[in-house]
Each structure stands twice: as C-alpha cells, then as structure tokens.
C-alpha atoms as a PDB file:
ATOM      1  CA  MET A   1      14.519  -3.655 -16.529  1.00  0.00           C
ATOM      2  CA  MET A   2      11.266  -3.146 -18.438  1.00  0.00           C
ATOM      3  CA  LEU A   3      10.865  -6.811 -19.485  1.00  0.00           C
ATOM      4  CA  PRO A   4      11.345  -8.296 -15.971  1.00  0.00           C
ATOM      5  CA  THR A   5       8.894  -5.724 -14.597  1.00  0.00           C
ATOM      6  CA  ILE A   6       6.240  -6.634 -17.171  1.00  0.00           C
ATOM      7  CA  ALA A   7       6.803 -10.336 -16.485  1.00  0.00           C
ATOM      8  CA  SER A   8       6.491  -9.797 -12.722  1.00  0.00           C
ATOM      9  CA  VAL A   9       3.223  -7.889 -13.211  1.00  0.00           C
ATOM     10  CA  LEU A  10       1.922 -10.762 -15.354  1.00  0.00           C
ATOM     11  CA  ALA A  11       2.925 -13.286 -12.677  1.00  0.00           C
ATOM     12  CA  THR A  12       1.157 -11.181 -10.038  1.00  0.00           C
ATOM     13  CA  LEU A  13      -2.042 -10.996 -12.084  1.00  0.00           C
ATOM     14  CA  LEU A  14      -1.994 -14.762 -12.536  1.00  0.00           C
ATOM     15  CA  TYR A  15      -1.401 -15.343  -8.816  1.00  0.00           C
ATOM     16  CA  CYS A  16      -4.257 -12.994  -7.882  1.00  0.00           C
ATOM     17  CA  LEU A  17      -6.558 -14.594 -10.454  1.00  0.00           C
ATOM     18  CA  SER A  18      -5.813 -18.001  -8.964  1.00  0.00           C
ATOM     19  CA  ALA A  19      -6.485 -16.731  -5.420  1.00  0.00           C
ATOM     20  CA  PHE A  20      -9.800 -15.240  -6.582  1.00  0.00           C
ATOM     21  CA  LEU A  21     -10.855 -18.445  -8.348  1.00  0.00           C
ATOM     22  CA  ILE A  22      -9.921 -20.549  -5.311  1.00  0.00           C
ATOM     23  CA  PHE A  23     -12.092 -18.305  -3.133  1.00  0.00           C
ATOM     24  CA  ARG A  24     -14.993 -18.530  -5.600  1.00  0.00           C
ATOM     25  CA  GLN A  25     -14.763 -22.308  -5.892  1.00  0.00           C
ATOM     26  CA  LEU A  26     -14.417 -23.220  -2.226  1.00  0.00           C
ATOM     27  CA  GLY A  27     -16.633 -26.182  -1.467  1.00  0.00           C
ATOM     28  CA  LYS A  28     -17.247 -27.070  -5.105  1.00  0.00           C
ATOM     29  CA  PRO A  29     -16.389 -30.464  -6.678  1.00  0.00           C
ATOM     30  CA  SER A  30     -12.693 -31.321  -6.709  1.00  0.00           C
ATOM     31  CA  GLN A  31     -12.586 -31.426 -10.518  1.00  0.00           C
ATOM     32  CA  GLN A  32     -12.846 -27.629 -10.571  1.00  0.00           C
ATOM     33  CA  ARG A  33      -9.908 -27.111  -8.213  1.00  0.00           C
ATOM     34  CA  TRP A  34      -7.342 -27.407 -10.977  1.00  0.00           C
ATOM     35  CA  ILE A  35      -9.021 -24.673 -13.021  1.00  0.00           C
ATOM     36  CA  ALA A  36      -8.442 -22.354 -10.066  1.00  0.00           C
ATOM     37  CA  LEU A  37      -4.860 -23.516  -9.531  1.00  0.00           C
ATOM     38  CA  ALA A  38      -3.813 -23.357 -13.197  1.00  0.00           C
ATOM     39  CA  PRO A  39      -3.036 -19.593 -13.266  1.00  0.00           C
ATOM     40  CA  ALA A  40      -0.802 -19.988 -10.191  1.00  0.00           C
ATOM     41  CA  VAL A  41       1.106 -22.802 -11.924  1.00  0.00           C
ATOM     42  CA  VAL A  42       1.904 -20.445 -14.812  1.00  0.00           C
ATOM     43  CA  GLY A  43       2.709 -17.688 -12.307  1.00  0.00           C
ATOM     44  CA  THR A  44       5.261 -19.864 -10.509  1.00  0.00           C
ATOM     45  CA  PHE A  45       6.901 -20.689 -13.854  1.00  0.00           C
ATOM     46  CA  ILE A  46       7.263 -16.995 -14.729  1.00  0.00           C
ATOM     47  CA  GLN A  47       8.547 -16.187 -11.231  1.00  0.00           C
ATOM     48  CA  ALA A  48      11.081 -19.022 -11.494  1.00  0.00           C
ATOM     49  CA  LEU A  49      12.501 -17.504 -14.698  1.00  0.00           C
ATOM     50  CA  LEU A  50      12.727 -14.089 -13.034  1.00  0.00           C
ATOM     51  CA  LEU A  51      14.382 -15.534  -9.922  1.00  0.00           C
ATOM     52  CA  ASN A  52      16.956 -17.360 -12.024  1.00  0.00           C
ATOM     53  CA  GLN A  53      17.888 -14.069 -13.689  1.00  0.00           C
ATOM     54  CA  LEU A  54      17.784 -12.132 -10.421  1.00  0.00           C
ATOM     55  CA  ILE A  55      19.693 -14.485  -8.102  1.00  0.00           C
ATOM     56  CA  TYR A  56      22.313 -16.249 -10.204  1.00  0.00           C
ATOM     57  CA  ARG A  57      25.086 -13.791 -11.059  1.00  0.00           C
ATOM     58  CA  PRO A  58      28.547 -14.475 -12.524  1.00  0.00           C
ATOM     59  CA  ASP A  59      30.210 -13.444  -9.249  1.00  0.00           C
ATOM     60  CA  GLY A  60      27.895 -15.257  -6.850  1.00  0.00           C
ATOM     61  CA  LEU A  61      24.335 -15.392  -5.557  1.00  0.00           C
ATOM     62  CA  ASN A  62      22.228 -12.270  -5.155  1.00  0.00           C
ATOM     63  CA  LEU A  63      20.288 -12.915  -1.964  1.00  0.00           C
ATOM     64  CA  GLY A  64      19.350  -9.436  -0.908  1.00  0.00           C
ATOM     65  CA  PHE A  65      16.310  -8.866   1.299  1.00  0.00           C
ATOM     66  CA  PHE A  66      13.703  -8.656  -1.469  1.00  0.00           C
ATOM     67  CA  ALA A  67      15.310 -11.314  -3.679  1.00  0.00           C
ATOM     68  CA  ALA A  68      15.241 -13.746  -0.745  1.00  0.00           C
ATOM     69  CA  PHE A  69      11.651 -12.738   0.061  1.00  0.00           C
ATOM     70  CA  SER A  70      10.610 -13.481  -3.533  1.00  0.00           C
ATOM     71  CA  LEU A  71      12.472 -16.807  -3.521  1.00  0.00           C
ATOM     72  CA  ILE A  72      10.870 -17.978  -0.277  1.00  0.00           C
ATOM     73  CA  SER A  73       7.378 -16.914  -1.354  1.00  0.00           C
ATOM     74  CA  TRP A  74       7.899 -18.805  -4.627  1.00  0.00           C
ATOM     75  CA  LEU A  75       8.974 -21.952  -2.773  1.00  0.00           C
ATOM     76  CA  ILE A  76       5.915 -21.728  -0.512  1.00  0.00           C
ATOM     77  CA  SER A  77       3.646 -21.376  -3.553  1.00  0.00           C
ATOM     78  CA  ILE A  78       5.289 -24.416  -5.156  1.00  0.00           C
ATOM     79  CA  GLN A  79       4.771 -26.421  -1.965  1.00  0.00           C
ATOM     80  CA  ILE A  80       1.084 -25.471  -1.850  1.00  0.00           C
ATOM     81  CA  LEU A  81       0.586 -26.547  -5.467  1.00  0.00           C
ATOM     82  CA  LEU A  82       2.372 -29.859  -4.898  1.00  0.00           C
ATOM     83  CA  SER A  83       0.541 -30.571  -1.643  1.00  0.00           C
ATOM     84  CA  ALA A  84      -2.819 -29.679  -3.231  1.00  0.00           C
ATOM     85  CA  TYR A  85      -2.375 -32.695  -5.495  1.00  0.00           C
ATOM     86  CA  PHE A  86      -2.736 -34.950  -2.447  1.00  0.00           C
ATOM     87  CA  ARG A  87      -4.845 -32.866  -0.048  1.00  0.00           C
ATOM     88  CA  ARG A  88      -7.322 -30.026  -0.353  1.00  0.00           C
ATOM     89  CA  ILE A  89      -5.151 -27.240   1.028  1.00  0.00           C
ATOM     90  CA  GLU A  90      -5.535 -24.798  -1.857  1.00  0.00           C
ATOM     91  CA  SER A  91      -7.286 -22.372   0.509  1.00  0.00           C
ATOM     92  CA  LEU A  92      -3.790 -21.404   1.723  1.00  0.00           C
ATOM     93  CA  GLY A  93      -3.235 -19.945  -1.735  1.00  0.00           C
ATOM     94  CA  ILE A  94      -5.863 -17.262  -1.125  1.00  0.00           C
ATOM     95  CA  ALA A  95      -3.354 -15.459   1.107  1.00  0.00           C
ATOM     96  CA  VAL A  96      -0.039 -16.839  -0.161  1.00  0.00           C
ATOM     97  CA  PHE A  97      -0.392 -16.395  -3.937  1.00  0.00           C
ATOM     98  CA  PRO A  98      -0.957 -12.605  -3.871  1.00  0.00           C
ATOM     99  CA  ILE A  99       1.997 -12.256  -1.482  1.00  0.00           C
ATOM    100  CA  SER A 100       4.163 -14.176  -3.975  1.00  0.00           C
ATOM    101  CA  GLY A 101       3.056 -11.840  -6.740  1.00  0.00           C
ATOM    102  CA  LEU A 102       3.789  -8.753  -4.667  1.00  0.00           C
ATOM    103  CA  ALA A 103       7.212 -10.129  -3.719  1.00  0.00           C
ATOM    104  CA  CYS A 104       7.917 -10.806  -7.393  1.00  0.00           C
ATOM    105  CA  ILE A 105       7.172  -7.194  -8.380  1.00  0.00           C
ATOM    106  CA  ILE A 106       9.178  -5.671  -5.522  1.00  0.00           C
ATOM    107  CA  ALA A 107      12.184  -7.893  -6.267  1.00  0.00           C
ATOM    108  CA  SER A 108      12.114  -6.932  -9.958  1.00  0.00           C
ATOM    109  CA  LEU A 109      12.071  -3.215  -9.080  1.00  0.00           C
ATOM    110  CA  ASP A 110      14.717  -3.407  -6.358  1.00  0.00           C
ATOM    111  CA  THR A 111      18.136  -2.244  -7.524  1.00  0.00           C
ATOM    112  CA  HIS A 112      19.957  -3.257  -4.335  1.00  0.00           C
ATOM    113  CA  ILE A 113      22.168  -6.314  -4.883  1.00  0.00           C
ATOM    114  CA  LEU A 114      23.758  -8.321  -2.089  1.00  0.00           C
ATOM    115  CA  LEU A 115      26.202 -10.746  -3.658  1.00  0.00           C
ATOM    116  CA  ILE A 116      27.241 -13.811  -1.719  1.00  0.00           C
ATOM    117  CA  GLU A 117      30.476 -15.030  -3.226  1.00  0.00           C
ATOM    118  CA  SER A 118      30.255 -18.767  -2.902  1.00  0.00           C
ATOM    119  CA  GLY A 119      32.399 -20.682  -5.325  1.00  0.00           C
ATOM    120  CA  SER A 120      31.990 -23.786  -3.174  1.00  0.00           C
ATOM    121  CA  ASN A 121      29.102 -26.075  -4.079  1.00  0.00           C
ATOM    122  CA  ALA A 122      28.853 -27.027  -0.401  1.00  0.00           C
ATOM    123  CA  ILE A 123      28.206 -23.403   0.610  1.00  0.00           C
ATOM    124  CA  GLN A 124      25.593 -23.012  -2.104  1.00  0.00           C
ATOM    125  CA  GLY A 125      23.991 -26.244  -0.949  1.00  0.00           C
ATOM    126  CA  HIS A 126      23.893 -24.921   2.621  1.00  0.00           C
ATOM    127  CA  ILE A 127      22.154 -21.744   1.439  1.00  0.00           C
ATOM    128  CA  ILE A 128      19.572 -23.634  -0.619  1.00  0.00           C
ATOM    129  CA  ILE A 129      18.794 -26.083   2.202  1.00  0.00           C
ATOM    130  CA  SER A 130      18.379 -23.170   4.630  1.00  0.00           C
ATOM    131  CA  ILE A 131      15.915 -21.381   2.358  1.00  0.00           C
ATOM    132  CA  VAL A 132      13.902 -24.552   1.663  1.00  0.00           C
ATOM    133  CA  ALA A 133      13.709 -25.304   5.400  1.00  0.00           C
ATOM    134  CA  TYR A 134      12.582 -21.758   6.129  1.00  0.00           C
ATOM    135  CA  SER A 135       9.861 -21.917   3.462  1.00  0.00           C
ATOM    136  CA  LEU A 136       8.558 -25.232   4.848  1.00  0.00           C
ATOM    137  CA  ILE A 137       8.370 -23.875   8.383  1.00  0.00           C
ATOM    138  CA  THR A 138       6.740 -20.681   7.094  1.00  0.00           C
ATOM    139  CA  LEU A 139       4.131 -22.796   5.336  1.00  0.00           C
ATOM    140  CA  GLY A 140       3.674 -24.626   8.636  1.00  0.00           C
ATOM    141  CA  ALA A 141       3.036 -21.255  10.308  1.00  0.00           C
ATOM    142  CA  PHE A 142       0.352 -20.445   7.721  1.00  0.00           C
ATOM    143  CA  GLN A 143      -1.184 -23.849   8.342  1.00  0.00           C
ATOM    144  CA  ALA A 144      -1.042 -23.299  12.130  1.00  0.00           C
ATOM    145  CA  THR A 145      -2.827 -19.946  11.745  1.00  0.00           C
ATOM    146  CA  LEU A 146      -5.561 -21.597   9.679  1.00  0.00           C
ATOM    147  CA  LEU A 147      -5.778 -24.406  12.237  1.00  0.00           C
ATOM    148  CA  ALA A 148      -6.120 -21.852  15.052  1.00  0.00           C
ATOM    149  CA  TYR A 149      -9.025 -20.227  13.193  1.00  0.00           C
ATOM    150  CA  GLN A 150     -10.673 -23.607  12.643  1.00  0.00           C
ATOM    151  CA  ASP A 151     -10.151 -24.675  16.265  1.00  0.00           C
ATOM    152  CA  HIS A 152     -11.606 -21.400  17.577  1.00  0.00           C
ATOM    153  CA  ALA A 153     -14.646 -21.673  15.313  1.00  0.00           C
ATOM    154  CA  ILE A 154     -15.366 -25.229  16.428  1.00  0.00           C
ATOM    155  CA  ARG A 155     -14.905 -24.465  20.132  1.00  0.00           C
ATOM    156  CA  SER A 156     -17.174 -21.404  19.911  1.00  0.00           C
ATOM    157  CA  HIS A 157     -19.805 -23.461  18.036  1.00  0.00           C
ATOM    158  CA  HIS A 158     -19.656 -21.235  14.962  1.00  0.00           C
ATOM    159  CA  PRO A 159     -18.263 -23.563  12.298  1.00  0.00           C
ATOM    160  CA  GLY A 160     -19.280 -21.338   9.410  1.00  0.00           C
ATOM    161  CA  GLY A 161     -17.377 -19.202   6.939  1.00  0.00           C
ATOM    162  CA  LEU A 162     -14.090 -20.625   5.728  1.00  0.00           C
ATOM    163  CA  THR A 163     -14.276 -23.472   8.272  1.00  0.00           C
ATOM    164  CA  ARG A 164     -16.950 -25.193   6.178  1.00  0.00           C
ATOM    165  CA  TYR A 165     -14.466 -25.663   3.338  1.00  0.00           C
ATOM    166  CA  LEU A 166     -11.475 -26.848   5.346  1.00  0.00           C
ATOM    167  CA  PRO A 167     -10.527 -30.514   5.769  1.00  0.00           C
ATOM    168  CA  PRO A 168     -11.287 -32.181   9.136  1.00  0.00           C
ATOM    169  CA  ILE A 169      -9.169 -30.823  11.966  1.00  0.00           C
ATOM    170  CA  GLN A 170      -7.290 -34.138  12.286  1.00  0.00           C
ATOM    171  CA  ASP A 171      -6.198 -33.864   8.657  1.00  0.00           C
ATOM    172  CA  MET A 172      -5.204 -30.232   9.189  1.00  0.00           C
ATOM    173  CA  GLU A 173      -3.001 -31.243  12.125  1.00  0.00           C
ATOM    174  CA  ALA A 174      -1.464 -34.109  10.173  1.00  0.00           C
ATOM    175  CA  LEU A 175      -0.610 -31.708   7.345  1.00  0.00           C
ATOM    176  CA  LEU A 176       0.857 -29.219   9.831  1.00  0.00           C
ATOM    177  CA  PHE A 177       3.211 -31.814  11.292  1.00  0.00           C
ATOM    178  CA  MET A 178       4.157 -33.031   7.834  1.00  0.00           C
ATOM    179  CA  PHE A 179       5.356 -29.514   6.944  1.00  0.00           C
ATOM    180  CA  LEU A 180       7.075 -29.128  10.311  1.00  0.00           C
ATOM    181  CA  GLY A 181       8.708 -32.557  10.110  1.00  0.00           C
ATOM    182  CA  PHE A 182      10.311 -31.840   6.749  1.00  0.00           C
ATOM    183  CA  GLY A 183      11.139 -28.313   7.887  1.00  0.00           C
ATOM    184  CA  PHE A 184      12.839 -29.628  11.028  1.00  0.00           C
ATOM    185  CA  ILE A 185      14.903 -32.078   8.976  1.00  0.00           C
ATOM    186  CA  GLY A 186      15.885 -29.259   6.604  1.00  0.00           C
ATOM    187  CA  LEU A 187      16.761 -26.905   9.449  1.00  0.00           C
ATOM    188  CA  SER A 188      18.851 -29.633  11.097  1.00  0.00           C
ATOM    189  CA  ALA A 189      20.722 -30.198   7.823  1.00  0.00           C
ATOM    190  CA  SER A 190      21.191 -26.447   7.441  1.00  0.00           C
ATOM    191  CA  LEU A 191      22.698 -26.003  10.905  1.00  0.00           C
ATOM    192  CA  LEU A 192      24.892 -29.089  10.522  1.00  0.00           C
ATOM    193  CA  SER A 193      26.206 -27.982   7.127  1.00  0.00           C
ATOM    194  CA  GLY A 194      26.793 -24.500   8.555  1.00  0.00           C
ATOM    195  CA  PHE A 195      28.970 -25.906  11.319  1.00  0.00           C
ATOM    196  CA  VAL A 196      30.879 -28.058   8.828  1.00  0.00           C
ATOM    197  CA  TYR A 197      31.367 -25.744   5.856  1.00  0.00           C
ATOM    198  CA  LEU A 198      31.283 -22.201   7.224  1.00  0.00           C
ATOM    199  CA  GLU A 199      34.530 -20.929   8.692  1.00  0.00           C
ATOM    200  CA  ASP A 200      32.840 -19.462  11.769  1.00  0.00           C
ATOM    201  CA  ILE A 201      29.081 -19.869  12.142  1.00  0.00           C
ATOM    202  CA  PHE A 202      29.201 -17.501  15.130  1.00  0.00           C
ATOM    203  CA  ALA A 203      31.125 -14.735  13.360  1.00  0.00           C
ATOM    204  CA  GLN A 204      29.911 -11.222  14.138  1.00  0.00           C
ATOM    205  CA  HIS A 205      27.738 -10.918  11.019  1.00  0.00           C
ATOM    206  CA  LEU A 206      26.242 -14.410  11.556  1.00  0.00           C
ATOM    207  CA  VAL A 207      25.915 -14.699  15.319  1.00  0.00           C
ATOM    208  CA  HIS A 208      22.325 -13.388  15.572  1.00  0.00           C
ATOM    209  CA  LYS A 209      21.132 -15.528  12.676  1.00  0.00           C
ATOM    210  CA  SER A 210      22.860 -18.638  14.046  1.00  0.00           C
ATOM    211  CA  ALA A 211      21.685 -18.166  17.629  1.00  0.00           C
ATOM    212  CA  LEU A 212      18.061 -17.481  16.683  1.00  0.00           C
ATOM    213  CA  SER A 213      18.033 -20.408  14.243  1.00  0.00           C
ATOM    214  CA  ILE A 214      19.308 -22.729  16.985  1.00  0.00           C
ATOM    215  CA  VAL A 215      16.551 -21.489  19.328  1.00  0.00           C
ATOM    216  CA  ALA A 216      13.962 -22.188  16.593  1.00  0.00           C
ATOM    217  CA  TRP A 217      15.483 -25.637  16.085  1.00  0.00           C
ATOM    218  CA  PHE A 218      15.158 -26.441  19.804  1.00  0.00           C
ATOM    219  CA  ILE A 219      11.540 -25.250  19.864  1.00  0.00           C
ATOM    220  CA  LEU A 220      10.670 -27.386  16.850  1.00  0.00           C
ATOM    221  CA  GLY A 221      12.537 -30.349  18.302  1.00  0.00           C
ATOM    222  CA  ILE A 222      10.588 -30.113  21.566  1.00  0.00           C
ATOM    223  CA  LEU A 223       7.332 -29.802  19.627  1.00  0.00           C
ATOM    224  CA  MET A 224       8.082 -32.862  17.486  1.00  0.00           C
ATOM    225  CA  PHE A 225       9.059 -34.849  20.595  1.00  0.00           C
ATOM    226  CA  GLY A 226       5.893 -33.738  22.384  1.00  0.00           C
ATOM    227  CA  ARG A 227       3.784 -34.690  19.403  1.00  0.00           C
ATOM    228  CA  PHE A 228       5.090 -38.245  19.143  1.00  0.00           C
ATOM    229  CA  GLN A 229       5.639 -38.868  22.858  1.00  0.00           C
ATOM    230  CA  PHE A 230       2.623 -37.095  24.405  1.00  0.00           C
ATOM    231  CA  GLY A 231       0.319 -36.490  21.442  1.00  0.00           C
ATOM    232  CA  TRP A 232       0.512 -32.687  21.570  1.00  0.00           C
ATOM    233  CA  ARG A 233      -2.071 -31.069  19.335  1.00  0.00           C
ATOM    234  CA  GLY A 234      -4.456 -28.143  19.099  1.00  0.00           C
ATOM    235  CA  LYS A 235      -3.460 -24.907  20.810  1.00  0.00           C
ATOM    236  CA  THR A 236      -0.234 -26.383  22.165  1.00  0.00           C
ATOM    237  CA  ALA A 237       0.990 -27.295  18.699  1.00  0.00           C
ATOM    238  CA  ILE A 238      -0.101 -23.931  17.299  1.00  0.00           C
ATOM    239  CA  ARG A 239       1.746 -21.916  19.984  1.00  0.00           C
ATOM    240  CA  TRP A 240       4.988 -23.864  19.611  1.00  0.00           C
ATOM    241  CA  THR A 241       4.814 -23.660  15.814  1.00  0.00           C
ATOM    242  CA  LEU A 242       4.301 -19.910  15.762  1.00  0.00           C
ATOM    243  CA  SER A 243       7.034 -19.413  18.376  1.00  0.00           C
ATOM    244  CA  ALA A 244       9.545 -21.337  16.255  1.00  0.00           C
ATOM    245  CA  PHE A 245       8.476 -19.395  13.155  1.00  0.00           C
ATOM    246  CA  LEU A 246       8.922 -16.083  14.972  1.00  0.00           C
ATOM    247  CA  PHE A 247      12.508 -16.896  15.954  1.00  0.00           C
ATOM    248  CA  LEU A 248      13.283 -18.171  12.470  1.00  0.00           C
ATOM    249  CA  MET A 249      11.765 -15.073  10.862  1.00  0.00           C
ATOM    250  CA  LEU A 250      13.919 -12.874  13.100  1.00  0.00           C
ATOM    251  CA  ALA A 251      16.952 -14.993  12.238  1.00  0.00           C
ATOM    252  CA  PHE A 252      16.457 -14.789   8.503  1.00  0.00           C
ATOM    253  CA  PHE A 253      14.692 -11.535   7.716  1.00  0.00           C
ATOM    254  CA  GLY A 254      15.503  -9.659  10.918  1.00  0.00           C
ATOM    255  CA  SER A 255      19.247 -10.008  10.475  1.00  0.00           C
ATOM    256  CA  LYS A 256      19.031  -9.188   6.744  1.00  0.00           C
ATOM    257  CA  LEU A 257      16.937  -6.100   7.471  1.00  0.00           C
ATOM    258  CA  VAL A 258      19.408  -4.798  10.033  1.00  0.00           C
ATOM    259  CA  LEU A 259      22.508  -5.550   7.976  1.00  0.00           C
ATOM    260  CA  GLU A 260      21.177  -4.221   4.656  1.00  0.00           C
ATOM    261  CA  PHE A 261      18.989  -1.269   5.593  1.00  0.00           C
ATOM    262  CA  ILE A 262      19.969  -0.109   9.078  1.00  0.00           C
ATOM    263  CA  LEU A 263      23.696  -0.727   9.391  1.00  0.00           C
END
C-alpha cells in the first residue's frame, strides 16, 4: 500500500507542477509549451502503472467508483496531451491535471473493490469503449465551459484574462465538435455492444445507467445533426453539450454512487 501511495503523490505533484507551468507560460512562444507539459506526461505514465495494478485483477476488473474516476481522469489527461500536439488547448490542463492527481491519490487509498467478472473479451471491450466515450464527452464538457467563458467575455466586450490566451472562437468550436463527434461514435458503439453482448441491458442494476445513457445519446445526436444541418454554434452548442454530459455523468457516476455507497 505504501509504494502505490508514494507513487500517486509523485504523480499528483507532477500534474500540479505542469498545471502551474502552463498557467505561467500562457501566451508565450509555442516552443515553451512542451516544458510545461513534460511533467504531466511523466504523471500520466505513473498513473497508468498504478491503474494497471489497481484495475486488472485475476478475477476480473476492479471498476469501483474511485478506480473508475481515476481511469477517466487519466484518459482525459492523455487526450489533452495528444490534442495539444496539434492545437493549443493545454489551458484545459490547468483544471484537469490537478483533478487527475487528486483522483490518483484517492484511488490508491481506497480499499473498496468492485470486481466485474468478465471473462469475455467482448464484455471487456464494451466496458473500455464506454469509458473512452465518457472521457471524450467529459473533455467536450470542459471545452464547452471554456467556450462559454470566451463567448461571454467577447459579448461583454471584456476579452481579457484567460481569453487572451485562447485560440479563436471558431477553432474552439471546431475542437469541441471534434471531441463530441468521437464521443458520439464511442457512445453509439458502447450502446450497440451493450445490446449485443449483455444479457439484459435493462436489468434492474443497469436500467438507470442504460436509460440515462440513451437520453445522452439522443441529445448528442440532435446536437450533431443541428451542427451539420443548421450550423448550430455558440450558446446553443454549449447548452446541448452540457445537457448531454449531465445525463451521462448521472448514468455513470450517479448509478455507481447509489449502488456502491447508498444501497
């Protein structure tokens, strides 16, 4: 227990250092961005080792509340680092990286284990696709929040503060719909594989998660259709994105919270 805890603290320190350096270097030449992102790269590597030890058990997958929280935060951090190679979105790491570190520490200290016995590779694939889709849509929600801040600042004629360091609003919207597009594809694959490989996707312990996920899927589908058919953007896109994220958060974490800690 002591070694994973020390490793999680180290990962957290690296994540926080990266967030601090990103904040300090906002607006500076792009060559310095990678100095700020380097600690987070090491942090994600350490967290990956801890997650491998935490989740993969001989009898199945440990996907308890905090283990899943750590896994999703790690995936979001990875997606930020990968996307930062192509676009200047490292500002998202200011909020996300410390959350990943905190999730890493909590997961390493948590003694509660929820084993999902899944000898079938198809079931494991369904679980992985679901978590990846959720992390993409969560990242889209972060992006939508940042876009809402940028949109408000521009409309109120106060484009100062963080807005000065963000990409143009058109690029921010394009990035948002890139995350949502991949997230929608992943969520579609998750629901389809659930119908195919799970015995009863609407069983009592799954019905809330399935129903809320389907609602989120419909909201995202309408948003994607509206974007390509009617050019939806701005506040409309932000509201629909956050609504879909809310339903998906309730589906994933809400059901886990009730099942593990209340019931």
